[in-house]
Structure formats: structure tokens, C-alpha cells
Amino acid sequence: MVHEVSDQTGFFREIKSILKPDGKVFVIEPKFHVSKNDFEETLKVAQEAGLKP
């Protein structure tokens, strides 16, 4: 549950640093708990950390 992580940027940077070059990470949040806008913001943070959608 990424929305619970206080430093999402640091979290995604750490994920990026341990992924293999073509590695993938699957991010999913419960619809009833995280709005679409909040989820899109999480994806934006992941992109800014160097991950691709």
C-alpha cells in the first residue's frame, strides 16, 4: 500500500535502484481506499523517480 509510505519518492527511488534493467514493479491500490487522482499522483511520483509506466 504505497499510499501509506511517508516518503514515496524515496520508496520509488529505492525500488528503481534494485530492479534489474528490464525489471518491473506492479503498483495497485484498493479503489475504496485511494481515489483515482491520488493514484495518478502516486504514478507521477514513480515516474519522477525514474520508473516508466
Protein backbone atom coordinates (compact mmCIF):
# COMPACT_ATOMS: atom_id res chain seq x y z
CA MET A 1 0.00 0.00 0.00
CA VAL A 2 2.12 2.78 -1.37
CA HIS A 3 -0.25 5.48 -0.13
CA GLU A 4 0.84 4.62 3.42
CA VAL A 5 4.53 5.32 2.69
CA SER A 6 5.54 8.74 4.00
CA ASP A 7 8.41 9.22 1.51
CA GLN A 8 7.05 7.89 -1.77
CA THR A 9 9.85 9.48 -3.78
CA GLY A 10 12.48 7.71 -1.69
CA PHE A 11 10.49 4.48 -1.86
CA PHE A 12 10.31 4.52 -5.66
CA ARG A 13 13.98 5.52 -5.98
CA GLU A 14 14.91 2.52 -3.84
CA ILE A 15 12.71 0.24 -5.96
CA LYS A 16 14.38 1.61 -9.11
CA SER A 17 17.84 1.02 -7.64
CA ILE A 18 17.19 -2.68 -7.01
CA LEU A 19 15.30 -3.53 -10.20
CA LYS A 20 17.12 -5.28 -13.00
CA PRO A 21 17.42 -3.18 -16.19
CA ASP A 22 14.15 -4.53 -17.63
CA GLY A 23 12.61 -5.22 -14.22
CA LYS A 24 9.01 -4.39 -13.44
CA VAL A 25 7.11 -3.31 -10.38
CA PHE A 26 3.34 -3.69 -10.11
CA VAL A 27 1.61 -0.91 -8.20
CA ILE A 28 -2.01 -1.36 -7.23
CA GLU A 29 -4.11 0.37 -4.60
CA PRO A 30 -7.59 -0.53 -3.34
CA LYS A 31 -10.24 1.54 -5.15
CA PHE A 32 -12.25 2.04 -2.00
CA HIS A 33 -9.22 3.44 -0.17
CA VAL A 34 -7.37 5.56 -2.76
CA SER A 35 -9.04 7.96 -5.19
CA LYS A 36 -8.17 7.92 -8.88
CA ASN A 37 -6.49 11.34 -8.53
CA ASP A 38 -4.37 10.14 -5.60
CA PHE A 39 -3.36 7.03 -7.54
CA GLU A 40 -2.40 9.15 -10.55
CA GLU A 41 -0.29 11.31 -8.24
CA THR A 42 1.46 8.17 -6.97
CA LEU A 43 2.22 7.17 -10.57
CA LYS A 44 3.59 10.68 -11.21
CA VAL A 45 5.93 10.33 -8.22
CA ALA A 46 7.07 6.94 -9.55
CA GLN A 47 7.83 8.49 -12.94
CA GLU A 48 9.75 11.33 -11.35
CA ALA A 49 11.82 8.70 -9.52
CA GLY A 50 12.81 7.21 -12.88
CA LEU A 51 10.23 4.46 -13.38
CA LYS A 52 8.24 4.16 -16.62
CA PRO A 53 4.50 3.39 -16.77
